[in-house]
Amino acid sequence: MAVFLVFLRRSGPRWDPSRPMQEQSDWPAHASFMDELVESGAVVLGGPLADEHRVVLVVEAESQDTVRAMLARDPWSETHLRVDSVEPWTIRLDGRRA
């Protein structure tokens, strides 16, 4: 069984609720950083929830500390997004393999 860490990130103090995600300050740098995490295989799934103030990341990593250190390098870390919670997630059903 695969085990992943699910990170819930919430908008931070520099998040402007009147603007869509792609129009937030430093968007190109943040988007590039996140694309690199996907390309490296660290982020398996990710994206905003419907309210666009919360983002879910499913990460394959050895520990929460490893992922927290990785996310601290995000240009949006603590300004536009901050970690709200972290939960281990054990995958028991995976339709992608069917």
PDB file of N, CA and C in Angstrom:
ATOM      1  N   MET A   1       0.832  -1.191   0.000  1.00  0.00           N
ATOM      2  CA  MET A   1       0.000   0.000   0.000  1.00  0.00           C
ATOM      3  C   MET A   1       0.875   1.251   0.000  1.00  0.00           C
ATOM      4  N   ALA A   2       0.487   2.215  -0.781  1.00  0.00           N
ATOM      5  CA  ALA A   2       1.211   3.478  -0.839  1.00  0.00           C
ATOM      6  C   ALA A   2       0.729   4.401   0.278  1.00  0.00           C
ATOM      7  N   VAL A   3       1.666   5.137   0.862  1.00  0.00           N
ATOM      8  CA  VAL A   3       1.328   6.137   1.872  1.00  0.00           C
ATOM      9  C   VAL A   3       1.850   7.484   1.377  1.00  0.00           C
ATOM     10  N   PHE A   4       0.982   8.461   1.397  1.00  0.00           N
ATOM     11  CA  PHE A   4       1.329   9.814   0.988  1.00  0.00           C
ATOM     12  C   PHE A   4       1.041  10.764   2.139  1.00  0.00           C
ATOM     13  N   LEU A   5       1.570  11.962   2.055  1.00  0.00           N
ATOM     14  CA  LEU A   5       1.220  13.026   2.988  1.00  0.00           C
ATOM     15  C   LEU A   5       0.309  13.997   2.253  1.00  0.00           C
ATOM     16  N   VAL A   6      -0.797  14.347   2.886  1.00  0.00           N
ATOM     17  CA  VAL A   6      -1.733  15.306   2.311  1.00  0.00           C
ATOM     18  C   VAL A   6      -1.569  16.616   3.080  1.00  0.00           C
ATOM     19  N   PHE A   7      -1.132  17.642   2.359  1.00  0.00           N
ATOM     20  CA  PHE A   7      -0.944  18.968   2.948  1.00  0.00           C
ATOM     21  C   PHE A   7      -2.110  19.848   2.549  1.00  0.00           C
ATOM     22  N   LEU A   8      -2.717  20.498   3.519  1.00  0.00           N
ATOM     23  CA  LEU A   8      -3.729  21.509   3.253  1.00  0.00           C
ATOM     24  C   LEU A   8      -3.071  22.849   3.530  1.00  0.00           C
ATOM     25  N   ARG A   9      -3.000  23.673   2.489  1.00  0.00           N
ATOM     26  CA  ARG A   9      -2.425  25.008   2.632  1.00  0.00           C
ATOM     27  C   ARG A   9      -3.553  26.022   2.525  1.00  0.00           C
ATOM     28  N   ARG A  10      -3.436  27.093   3.289  1.00  0.00           N
ATOM     29  CA  ARG A  10      -4.473  28.125   3.353  1.00  0.00           C
ATOM     30  C   ARG A  10      -3.853  29.459   2.956  1.00  0.00           C
ATOM     31  N   SER A  11      -4.686  30.352   2.422  1.00  0.00           N
ATOM     32  CA  SER A  11      -4.182  31.653   1.994  1.00  0.00           C
ATOM     33  C   SER A  11      -3.572  32.410   3.169  1.00  0.00           C
ATOM     34  N   GLY A  12      -2.489  33.129   2.856  1.00  0.00           N
ATOM     35  CA  GLY A  12      -1.753  33.886   3.858  1.00  0.00           C
ATOM     36  C   GLY A  12      -2.047  35.374   3.790  1.00  0.00           C
ATOM     37  N   PRO A  13      -1.273  36.188   4.518  1.00  0.00           N
ATOM     38  CA  PRO A  13      -1.569  37.610   4.658  1.00  0.00           C
ATOM     39  C   PRO A  13      -1.449  38.429   3.373  1.00  0.00           C
ATOM     40  N   ARG A  14      -0.658  37.983   2.401  1.00  0.00           N
ATOM     41  CA  ARG A  14      -0.522  38.748   1.162  1.00  0.00           C
ATOM     42  C   ARG A  14      -1.484  38.276   0.069  1.00  0.00           C
ATOM     43  N   TRP A  15      -2.326  37.302   0.394  1.00  0.00           N
ATOM     44  CA  TRP A  15      -3.329  36.825  -0.562  1.00  0.00           C
ATOM     45  C   TRP A  15      -4.392  37.904  -0.725  1.00  0.00           C
ATOM     46  N   ASP A  16      -4.682  38.274  -1.951  1.00  0.00           N
ATOM     47  CA  ASP A  16      -5.699  39.280  -2.234  1.00  0.00           C
ATOM     48  C   ASP A  16      -6.970  38.556  -2.681  1.00  0.00           C
ATOM     49  N   PRO A  17      -7.988  38.491  -1.806  1.00  0.00           N
ATOM     50  CA  PRO A  17      -9.196  37.728  -2.139  1.00  0.00           C
ATOM     51  C   PRO A  17      -9.993  38.299  -3.312  1.00  0.00           C
ATOM     52  N   SER A  18      -9.695  39.517  -3.719  1.00  0.00           N
ATOM     53  CA  SER A  18     -10.419  40.110  -4.840  1.00  0.00           C
ATOM     54  C   SER A  18      -9.831  39.704  -6.194  1.00  0.00           C
ATOM     55  N   ARG A  19      -8.703  38.978  -6.171  1.00  0.00           N
ATOM     56  CA  ARG A  19      -8.035  38.598  -7.422  1.00  0.00           C
ATOM     57  C   ARG A  19      -7.981  37.083  -7.553  1.00  0.00           C
ATOM     58  N   PRO A  20      -8.133  36.544  -8.774  1.00  0.00           N
ATOM     59  CA  PRO A  20      -7.986  35.099  -8.968  1.00  0.00           C
ATOM     60  C   PRO A  20      -6.531  34.668  -8.728  1.00  0.00           C
ATOM     61  N   MET A  21      -6.347  33.385  -8.550  1.00  0.00           N
ATOM     62  CA  MET A  21      -5.034  32.839  -8.219  1.00  0.00           C
ATOM     63  C   MET A  21      -3.945  33.297  -9.191  1.00  0.00           C
ATOM     64  N   GLN A  22      -4.226  33.231 -10.489  1.00  0.00           N
ATOM     65  CA  GLN A  22      -3.218  33.560 -11.492  1.00  0.00           C
ATOM     66  C   GLN A  22      -2.884  35.048 -11.539  1.00  0.00           C
ATOM     67  N   GLU A  23      -3.648  35.877 -10.846  1.00  0.00           N
ATOM     68  CA  GLU A  23      -3.382  37.310 -10.813  1.00  0.00           C
ATOM     69  C   GLU A  23      -2.779  37.764  -9.484  1.00  0.00           C
ATOM     70  N   GLN A  24      -2.466  36.824  -8.590  1.00  0.00           N
ATOM     71  CA  GLN A  24      -1.820  37.173  -7.330  1.00  0.00           C
ATOM     72  C   GLN A  24      -0.374  37.585  -7.601  1.00  0.00           C
ATOM     73  N   SER A  25       0.178  38.415  -6.725  1.00  0.00           N
ATOM     74  CA  SER A  25       1.575  38.810  -6.885  1.00  0.00           C
ATOM     75  C   SER A  25       2.480  37.583  -6.802  1.00  0.00           C
ATOM     76  N   ASP A  26       3.567  37.599  -7.535  1.00  0.00           N
ATOM     77  CA  ASP A  26       4.560  36.516  -7.577  1.00  0.00           C
ATOM     78  C   ASP A  26       4.012  35.203  -8.141  1.00  0.00           C
ATOM     79  N   TRP A  27       2.885  35.236  -8.876  1.00  0.00           N
ATOM     80  CA  TRP A  27       2.320  34.014  -9.451  1.00  0.00           C
ATOM     81  C   TRP A  27       3.314  33.268 -10.338  1.00  0.00           C
ATOM     82  N   PRO A  28       4.008  33.918 -11.275  1.00  0.00           N
ATOM     83  CA  PRO A  28       4.908  33.153 -12.153  1.00  0.00           C
ATOM     84  C   PRO A  28       5.981  32.379 -11.374  1.00  0.00           C
ATOM     85  N   ALA A  29       6.537  32.987 -10.348  1.00  0.00           N
ATOM     86  CA  ALA A  29       7.575  32.311  -9.560  1.00  0.00           C
ATOM     87  C   ALA A  29       6.983  31.124  -8.798  1.00  0.00           C
ATOM     88  N   HIS A  30       5.805  31.312  -8.216  1.00  0.00           N
ATOM     89  CA  HIS A  30       5.150  30.220  -7.484  1.00  0.00           C
ATOM     90  C   HIS A  30       4.800  29.080  -8.436  1.00  0.00           C
ATOM     91  N   ALA A  31       4.194  29.408  -9.582  1.00  0.00           N
ATOM     92  CA  ALA A  31       3.786  28.378 -10.548  1.00  0.00           C
ATOM     93  C   ALA A  31       4.999  27.596 -11.040  1.00  0.00           C
ATOM     94  N   SER A  32       6.089  28.268 -11.310  1.00  0.00           N
ATOM     95  CA  SER A  32       7.308  27.601 -11.756  1.00  0.00           C
ATOM     96  C   SER A  32       7.842  26.655 -10.673  1.00  0.00           C
ATOM     97  N   PHE A  33       7.853  27.115  -9.438  1.00  0.00           N
ATOM     98  CA  PHE A  33       8.306  26.287  -8.313  1.00  0.00           C
ATOM     99  C   PHE A  33       7.452  25.027  -8.193  1.00  0.00           C
ATOM    100  N   MET A  34       6.132  25.187  -8.265  1.00  0.00           N
ATOM    101  CA  MET A  34       5.250  24.032  -8.132  1.00  0.00           C
ATOM    102  C   MET A  34       5.413  23.075  -9.309  1.00  0.00           C
ATOM    103  N   ASP A  35       5.587  23.599 -10.519  1.00  0.00           N
ATOM    104  CA  ASP A  35       5.831  22.738 -11.685  1.00  0.00           C
ATOM    105  C   ASP A  35       7.094  21.901 -11.486  1.00  0.00           C
ATOM    106  N   GLU A  36       8.128  22.489 -10.893  1.00  0.00           N
ATOM    107  CA  GLU A  36       9.363  21.750 -10.618  1.00  0.00           C
ATOM    108  C   GLU A  36       9.118  20.613  -9.638  1.00  0.00           C
ATOM    109  N   LEU A  37       8.260  20.840  -8.629  1.00  0.00           N
ATOM    110  CA  LEU A  37       7.949  19.783  -7.662  1.00  0.00           C
ATOM    111  C   LEU A  37       7.213  18.629  -8.325  1.00  0.00           C
ATOM    112  N   VAL A  38       6.344  18.944  -9.277  1.00  0.00           N
ATOM    113  CA  VAL A  38       5.635  17.898 -10.009  1.00  0.00           C
ATOM    114  C   VAL A  38       6.616  17.136 -10.897  1.00  0.00           C
ATOM    115  N   GLU A  39       7.467  17.860 -11.614  1.00  0.00           N
ATOM    116  CA  GLU A  39       8.433  17.221 -12.513  1.00  0.00           C
ATOM    117  C   GLU A  39       9.411  16.325 -11.757  1.00  0.00           C
ATOM    118  N   SER A  40       9.759  16.692 -10.529  1.00  0.00           N
ATOM    119  CA  SER A  40      10.686  15.884  -9.731  1.00  0.00           C
ATOM    120  C   SER A  40       9.994  14.671  -9.118  1.00  0.00           C
ATOM    121  N   GLY A  41       8.643  14.644  -9.161  1.00  0.00           N
ATOM    122  CA  GLY A  41       7.897  13.528  -8.585  1.00  0.00           C
ATOM    123  C   GLY A  41       7.520  13.731  -7.130  1.00  0.00           C
ATOM    124  N   ALA A  42       7.899  14.849  -6.535  1.00  0.00           N
ATOM    125  CA  ALA A  42       7.577  15.094  -5.126  1.00  0.00           C
ATOM    126  C   ALA A  42       6.085  15.316  -4.928  1.00  0.00           C
ATOM    127  N   VAL A  43       5.470  16.129  -5.791  1.00  0.00           N
ATOM    128  CA  VAL A  43       4.032  16.374  -5.699  1.00  0.00           C
ATOM    129  C   VAL A  43       3.336  15.437  -6.673  1.00  0.00           C
ATOM    130  N   VAL A  44       2.426  14.633  -6.137  1.00  0.00           N
ATOM    131  CA  VAL A  44       1.684  13.665  -6.936  1.00  0.00           C
ATOM    132  C   VAL A  44       0.414  14.302  -7.494  1.00  0.00           C
ATOM    133  N   LEU A  45      -0.304  15.017  -6.653  1.00  0.00           N
ATOM    134  CA  LEU A  45      -1.529  15.719  -7.032  1.00  0.00           C
ATOM    135  C   LEU A  45      -1.557  17.046  -6.293  1.00  0.00           C
ATOM    136  N   GLY A  46      -2.192  18.040  -6.870  1.00  0.00           N
ATOM    137  CA  GLY A  46      -2.313  19.308  -6.169  1.00  0.00           C
ATOM    138  C   GLY A  46      -3.246  20.250  -6.881  1.00  0.00           C
ATOM    139  N   GLY A  47      -3.835  21.144  -6.119  1.00  0.00           N
ATOM    140  CA  GLY A  47      -4.686  22.166  -6.698  1.00  0.00           C
ATOM    141  C   GLY A  47      -5.583  22.792  -5.654  1.00  0.00           C
ATOM    142  N   PRO A  48      -6.203  23.922  -6.042  1.00  0.00           N
ATOM    143  CA  PRO A  48      -7.068  24.630  -5.102  1.00  0.00           C
ATOM    144  C   PRO A  48      -8.406  23.931  -4.921  1.00  0.00           C
ATOM    145  N   LEU A  49      -8.978  24.102  -3.743  1.00  0.00           N
ATOM    146  CA  LEU A  49     -10.347  23.676  -3.499  1.00  0.00           C
ATOM    147  C   LEU A  49     -11.267  24.766  -4.058  1.00  0.00           C
ATOM    148  N   ALA A  50     -12.555  24.530  -4.045  1.00  0.00           N
ATOM    149  CA  ALA A  50     -13.519  25.425  -4.696  1.00  0.00           C
ATOM    150  C   ALA A  50     -13.430  26.863  -4.199  1.00  0.00           C
ATOM    151  N   ASP A  51     -13.109  27.074  -2.929  1.00  0.00           N
ATOM    152  CA  ASP A  51     -13.070  28.441  -2.401  1.00  0.00           C
ATOM    153  C   ASP A  51     -11.807  29.205  -2.830  1.00  0.00           C
ATOM    154  N   GLU A  52     -10.841  28.514  -3.406  1.00  0.00           N
ATOM    155  CA  GLU A  52      -9.564  29.066  -3.859  1.00  0.00           C
ATOM    156  C   GLU A  52      -8.774  29.745  -2.745  1.00  0.00           C
ATOM    157  N   HIS A  53      -9.136  29.490  -1.496  1.00  0.00           N
ATOM    158  CA  HIS A  53      -8.360  29.965  -0.351  1.00  0.00           C
ATOM    159  C   HIS A  53      -7.620  28.813   0.310  1.00  0.00           C
ATOM    160  N   ARG A  54      -7.943  27.596  -0.143  1.00  0.00           N
ATOM    161  CA  ARG A  54      -7.276  26.399   0.372  1.00  0.00           C
ATOM    162  C   ARG A  54      -6.774  25.588  -0.807  1.00  0.00           C
ATOM    163  N   VAL A  55      -5.606  24.996  -0.607  1.00  0.00           N
ATOM    164  CA  VAL A  55      -4.968  24.187  -1.642  1.00  0.00           C
ATOM    165  C   VAL A  55      -4.595  22.846  -1.028  1.00  0.00           C
ATOM    166  N   VAL A  56      -4.824  21.773  -1.758  1.00  0.00           N
ATOM    167  CA  VAL A  56      -4.451  20.428  -1.310  1.00  0.00           C
ATOM    168  C   VAL A  56      -3.257  19.966  -2.132  1.00  0.00           C
ATOM    169  N   LEU A  57      -2.251  19.431  -1.442  1.00  0.00           N
ATOM    170  CA  LEU A  57      -1.098  18.812  -2.098  1.00  0.00           C
ATOM    171  C   LEU A  57      -0.962  17.389  -1.584  1.00  0.00           C
ATOM    172  N   VAL A  58      -0.856  16.447  -2.488  1.00  0.00           N
ATOM    173  CA  VAL A  58      -0.562  15.064  -2.126  1.00  0.00           C
ATOM    174  C   VAL A  58       0.898  14.854  -2.490  1.00  0.00           C
ATOM    175  N   VAL A  59       1.694  14.517  -1.477  1.00  0.00           N
ATOM    176  CA  VAL A  59       3.143  14.482  -1.620  1.00  0.00           C
ATOM    177  C   VAL A  59       3.672  13.109  -1.239  1.00  0.00           C
ATOM    178  N   GLU A  60       4.635  12.634  -2.017  1.00  0.00           N
ATOM    179  CA  GLU A  60       5.318  11.397  -1.672  1.00  0.00           C
ATOM    180  C   GLU A  60       6.662  11.798  -1.076  1.00  0.00           C
ATOM    181  N   ALA A  61       6.815  11.568   0.233  1.00  0.00           N
ATOM    182  CA  ALA A  61       8.041  11.975   0.923  1.00  0.00           C
ATOM    183  C   ALA A  61       8.238  11.120   2.161  1.00  0.00           C
ATOM    184  N   GLU A  62       9.455  11.149   2.683  1.00  0.00           N
ATOM    185  CA  GLU A  62       9.788  10.344   3.853  1.00  0.00           C
ATOM    186  C   GLU A  62       9.207  10.908   5.143  1.00  0.00           C
ATOM    187  N   SER A  63       9.077  12.240   5.218  1.00  0.00           N
ATOM    188  CA  SER A  63       8.604  12.831   6.468  1.00  0.00           C
ATOM    189  C   SER A  63       7.949  14.185   6.221  1.00  0.00           C
ATOM    190  N   GLN A  64       7.165  14.607   7.198  1.00  0.00           N
ATOM    191  CA  GLN A  64       6.569  15.938   7.150  1.00  0.00           C
ATOM    192  C   GLN A  64       7.646  17.013   7.112  1.00  0.00           C
ATOM    193  N   ASP A  65       8.706  16.813   7.887  1.00  0.00           N
ATOM    194  CA  ASP A  65       9.776  17.812   7.945  1.00  0.00           C
ATOM    195  C   ASP A  65      10.415  18.026   6.583  1.00  0.00           C
ATOM    196  N   THR A  66      10.584  16.943   5.832  1.00  0.00           N
ATOM    197  CA  THR A  66      11.145  17.047   4.485  1.00  0.00           C
ATOM    198  C   THR A  66      10.261  17.912   3.603  1.00  0.00           C
ATOM    199  N   VAL A  67       8.952  17.684   3.676  1.00  0.00           N
ATOM    200  CA  VAL A  67       8.027  18.438   2.835  1.00  0.00           C
ATOM    201  C   VAL A  67       7.916  19.878   3.316  1.00  0.00           C
ATOM    202  N   ARG A  68       7.882  20.079   4.613  1.00  0.00           N
ATOM    203  CA  ARG A  68       7.820  21.455   5.129  1.00  0.00           C
ATOM    204  C   ARG A  68       9.043  22.251   4.672  1.00  0.00           C
ATOM    205  N   ALA A  69      10.217  21.635   4.703  1.00  0.00           N
ATOM    206  CA  ALA A  69      11.433  22.314   4.236  1.00  0.00           C
ATOM    207  C   ALA A  69      11.339  22.605   2.741  1.00  0.00           C
ATOM    208  N   MET A  70      10.807  21.663   1.987  1.00  0.00           N
ATOM    209  CA  MET A  70      10.646  21.848   0.545  1.00  0.00           C
ATOM    210  C   MET A  70       9.687  23.004   0.271  1.00  0.00           C
ATOM    211  N   LEU A  71       8.545  23.033   0.953  1.00  0.00           N
ATOM    212  CA  LEU A  71       7.550  24.075   0.725  1.00  0.00           C
ATOM    213  C   LEU A  71       8.015  25.437   1.227  1.00  0.00           C
ATOM    214  N   ALA A  72       8.942  25.464   2.175  1.00  0.00           N
ATOM    215  CA  ALA A  72       9.479  26.740   2.667  1.00  0.00           C
ATOM    216  C   ALA A  72      10.223  27.488   1.565  1.00  0.00           C
ATOM    217  N   ARG A  73      10.672  26.781   0.530  1.00  0.00           N
ATOM    218  CA  ARG A  73      11.367  27.417  -0.603  1.00  0.00           C
ATOM    219  C   ARG A  73      10.393  28.021  -1.618  1.00  0.00           C
ATOM    220  N   ASP A  74       9.104  27.753  -1.463  1.00  0.00           N
ATOM    221  CA  ASP A  74       8.086  28.299  -2.359  1.00  0.00           C
ATOM    222  C   ASP A  74       8.054  29.822  -2.212  1.00  0.00           C
ATOM    223  N   PRO A  75       8.098  30.573  -3.319  1.00  0.00           N
ATOM    224  CA  PRO A  75       8.002  32.033  -3.217  1.00  0.00           C
ATOM    225  C   PRO A  75       6.737  32.526  -2.504  1.00  0.00           C
ATOM    226  N   TRP A  76       5.708  31.699  -2.438  1.00  0.00           N
ATOM    227  CA  TRP A  76       4.472  32.069  -1.740  1.00  0.00           C
ATOM    228  C   TRP A  76       4.451  31.597  -0.289  1.00  0.00           C
ATOM    229  N   SER A  77       5.492  30.916   0.173  1.00  0.00           N
ATOM    230  CA  SER A  77       5.497  30.362   1.524  1.00  0.00           C
ATOM    231  C   SER A  77       5.346  31.454   2.577  1.00  0.00           C
ATOM    232  N   GLU A  78       4.328  31.308   3.392  1.00  0.00           N
ATOM    233  CA  GLU A  78       3.996  32.200   4.506  1.00  0.00           C
ATOM    234  C   GLU A  78       3.505  33.575   4.076  1.00  0.00           C
ATOM    235  N   THR A  79       3.554  33.907   2.792  1.00  0.00           N
ATOM    236  CA  THR A  79       3.018  35.184   2.339  1.00  0.00           C
ATOM    237  C   THR A  79       1.650  34.979   1.716  1.00  0.00           C
ATOM    238  N   HIS A  80       1.576  34.092   0.737  1.00  0.00           N
ATOM    239  CA  HIS A  80       0.320  33.815   0.040  1.00  0.00           C
ATOM    240  C   HIS A  80      -0.293  32.491   0.492  1.00  0.00           C
ATOM    241  N   LEU A  81       0.550  31.551   0.891  1.00  0.00           N
ATOM    242  CA  LEU A  81       0.080  30.237   1.358  1.00  0.00           C
ATOM    243  C   LEU A  81       0.869  29.820   2.595  1.00  0.00           C
ATOM    244  N   ARG A  82       0.156  29.237   3.542  1.00  0.00           N
ATOM    245  CA  ARG A  82       0.822  28.654   4.710  1.00  0.00           C
ATOM    246  C   ARG A  82       0.215  27.289   4.989  1.00  0.00           C
ATOM    247  N   VAL A  83       0.992  26.414   5.577  1.00  0.00           N
ATOM    248  CA  VAL A  83       0.525  25.055   5.865  1.00  0.00           C
ATOM    249  C   VAL A  83      -0.515  25.122   6.975  1.00  0.00           C
ATOM    250  N   ASP A  84      -1.687  24.555   6.700  1.00  0.00           N
ATOM    251  CA  ASP A  84      -2.776  24.519   7.661  1.00  0.00           C
ATOM    252  C   ASP A  84      -2.794  23.187   8.411  1.00  0.00           C
ATOM    253  N   SER A  85      -2.609  22.084   7.670  1.00  0.00           N
ATOM    254  CA  SER A  85      -2.592  20.770   8.310  1.00  0.00           C
ATOM    255  C   SER A  85      -1.859  19.770   7.418  1.00  0.00           C
ATOM    256  N   VAL A  86      -1.437  18.680   8.051  1.00  0.00           N
ATOM    257  CA  VAL A  86      -0.761  17.592   7.339  1.00  0.00           C
ATOM    258  C   VAL A  86      -1.320  16.280   7.874  1.00  0.00           C
ATOM    259  N   GLU A  87      -1.693  15.405   6.948  1.00  0.00           N
ATOM    260  CA  GLU A  87      -2.221  14.098   7.341  1.00  0.00           C
ATOM    261  C   GLU A  87      -1.599  13.016   6.481  1.00  0.00           C
ATOM    262  N   PRO A  88      -1.169  11.901   7.076  1.00  0.00           N
ATOM    263  CA  PRO A  88      -0.760  10.764   6.261  1.00  0.00           C
ATOM    264  C   PRO A  88      -1.998  10.143   5.618  1.00  0.00           C
ATOM    265  N   TRP A  89      -1.843   9.648   4.400  1.00  0.00           N
ATOM    266  CA  TRP A  89      -2.967   9.074   3.654  1.00  0.00           C
ATOM    267  C   TRP A  89      -2.517   7.747   3.071  1.00  0.00           C
ATOM    268  N   THR A  90      -3.147   6.680   3.495  1.00  0.00           N
ATOM    269  CA  THR A  90      -2.854   5.353   2.992  1.00  0.00           C
ATOM    270  C   THR A  90      -3.812   5.046   1.850  1.00  0.00           C
ATOM    271  N   ILE A  91      -3.265   4.748   0.679  1.00  0.00           N
ATOM    272  CA  ILE A  91      -4.083   4.458  -0.497  1.00  0.00           C
ATOM    273  C   ILE A  91      -4.419   2.963  -0.493  1.00  0.00           C
ATOM    274  N   ARG A  92      -5.680   2.646  -0.366  1.00  0.00           N
ATOM    275  CA  ARG A  92      -6.136   1.263  -0.410  1.00  0.00           C
ATOM    276  C   ARG A  92      -6.873   0.970  -1.709  1.00  0.00           C
ATOM    277  N   LEU A  93      -7.395   2.010  -2.329  1.00  0.00           N
ATOM    278  CA  LEU A  93      -8.106   1.863  -3.601  1.00  0.00           C
ATOM    279  C   LEU A  93      -7.459   2.807  -4.608  1.00  0.00           C
ATOM    280  N   ASP A  94      -7.097   2.278  -5.757  1.00  0.00           N
ATOM    281  CA  ASP A  94      -6.452   3.107  -6.778  1.00  0.00           C
ATOM    282  C   ASP A  94      -6.927   2.674  -8.148  1.00  0.00           C
ATOM    283  N   GLY A  95      -7.928   3.350  -8.663  1.00  0.00           N
ATOM    284  CA  GLY A  95      -8.494   3.025  -9.965  1.00  0.00           C
ATOM    285  C   GLY A  95      -7.570   3.307 -11.128  1.00  0.00           C
ATOM    286  N   ARG A  96      -6.502   4.058 -10.919  1.00  0.00           N
ATOM    287  CA  ARG A  96      -5.568   4.354 -11.995  1.00  0.00           C
ATOM    288  C   ARG A  96      -4.836   3.100 -12.456  1.00  0.00           C
ATOM    289  N   ARG A  97      -4.748   2.104 -11.618  1.00  0.00           N
ATOM    290  CA  ARG A  97      -4.021   0.875 -11.967  1.00  0.00           C
ATOM    291  C   ARG A  97      -4.909  -0.156 -12.627  1.00  0.00           C
ATOM    292  N   ALA A  98      -6.204   0.092 -12.648  1.00  0.00           N
ATOM    293  CA  ALA A  98      -7.149  -0.898 -13.186  1.00  0.00           C
ATOM    294  C   ALA A  98      -7.013  -1.012 -14.702  1.00  0.00           C
TER     295      ALA A  98
END
